[in-house]
Amino acid sequence: MNPLASIVVPCFNMERWLPETLQSVLAQTFRDWECLIVDDGSTDG
């Protein structure tokens, strides 16, 4: 079954903020989702 919602997180050299961002996504009460993190060649991690 496909998820009902997709959460797309674009990030470029934002390693510092990624844990907080993902915690926010995980704190949602709606559970039928997928999270896609898109990184285009960051140099920070």
Protein backbone atom coordinates (compact mmCIF):
# COMPACT_ATOMS: atom_id res chain seq x y z
CA MET A 1 0.00 0.00 0.00
CA ASN A 2 1.33 3.44 -0.91
CA PRO A 3 1.59 6.15 1.73
CA LEU A 4 -1.09 8.82 1.67
CA ALA A 5 1.39 11.71 2.07
CA SER A 6 5.00 12.34 1.15
CA ILE A 7 7.15 14.72 3.14
CA VAL A 8 10.02 16.01 1.03
CA VAL A 9 12.93 17.56 2.91
CA PRO A 10 15.38 19.37 0.63
CA CYS A 11 18.73 19.95 2.28
CA PHE A 12 22.06 21.32 1.16
CA ASN A 13 24.78 21.87 3.77
CA MET A 14 22.18 21.77 6.54
CA GLU A 15 23.46 18.80 8.56
CA ARG A 16 23.10 20.88 11.71
CA TRP A 17 19.31 21.13 11.30
CA LEU A 18 18.53 17.65 10.01
CA PRO A 19 18.03 15.90 13.40
CA GLU A 20 15.59 18.58 14.58
CA THR A 21 13.75 18.45 11.26
CA LEU A 22 13.37 14.67 11.40
CA GLN A 23 12.21 14.79 15.03
CA SER A 24 9.51 17.20 13.95
CA VAL A 25 8.41 14.83 11.20
CA LEU A 26 8.37 11.86 13.59
CA ALA A 27 6.29 13.82 16.13
CA GLN A 28 3.31 14.01 13.76
CA THR A 29 0.22 12.09 14.82
CA PHE A 30 -0.69 11.23 11.22
CA ARG A 31 1.12 7.98 10.38
CA ASP A 32 0.41 7.19 6.73
CA TRP A 33 3.42 9.00 5.24
CA GLU A 34 6.88 8.62 3.82
CA CYS A 35 9.80 11.00 4.27
CA LEU A 36 12.16 11.72 1.39
CA ILE A 37 15.39 13.58 2.15
CA VAL A 38 16.93 15.13 -0.96
CA ASP A 39 20.58 16.16 -0.76
CA ASP A 40 22.40 17.51 -3.80
CA GLY A 41 26.06 17.08 -2.93
CA SER A 42 26.41 18.67 0.50
CA THR A 43 29.94 19.05 1.83
CA ASP A 44 29.06 19.17 5.54
CA GLY A 45 28.34 15.55 6.26
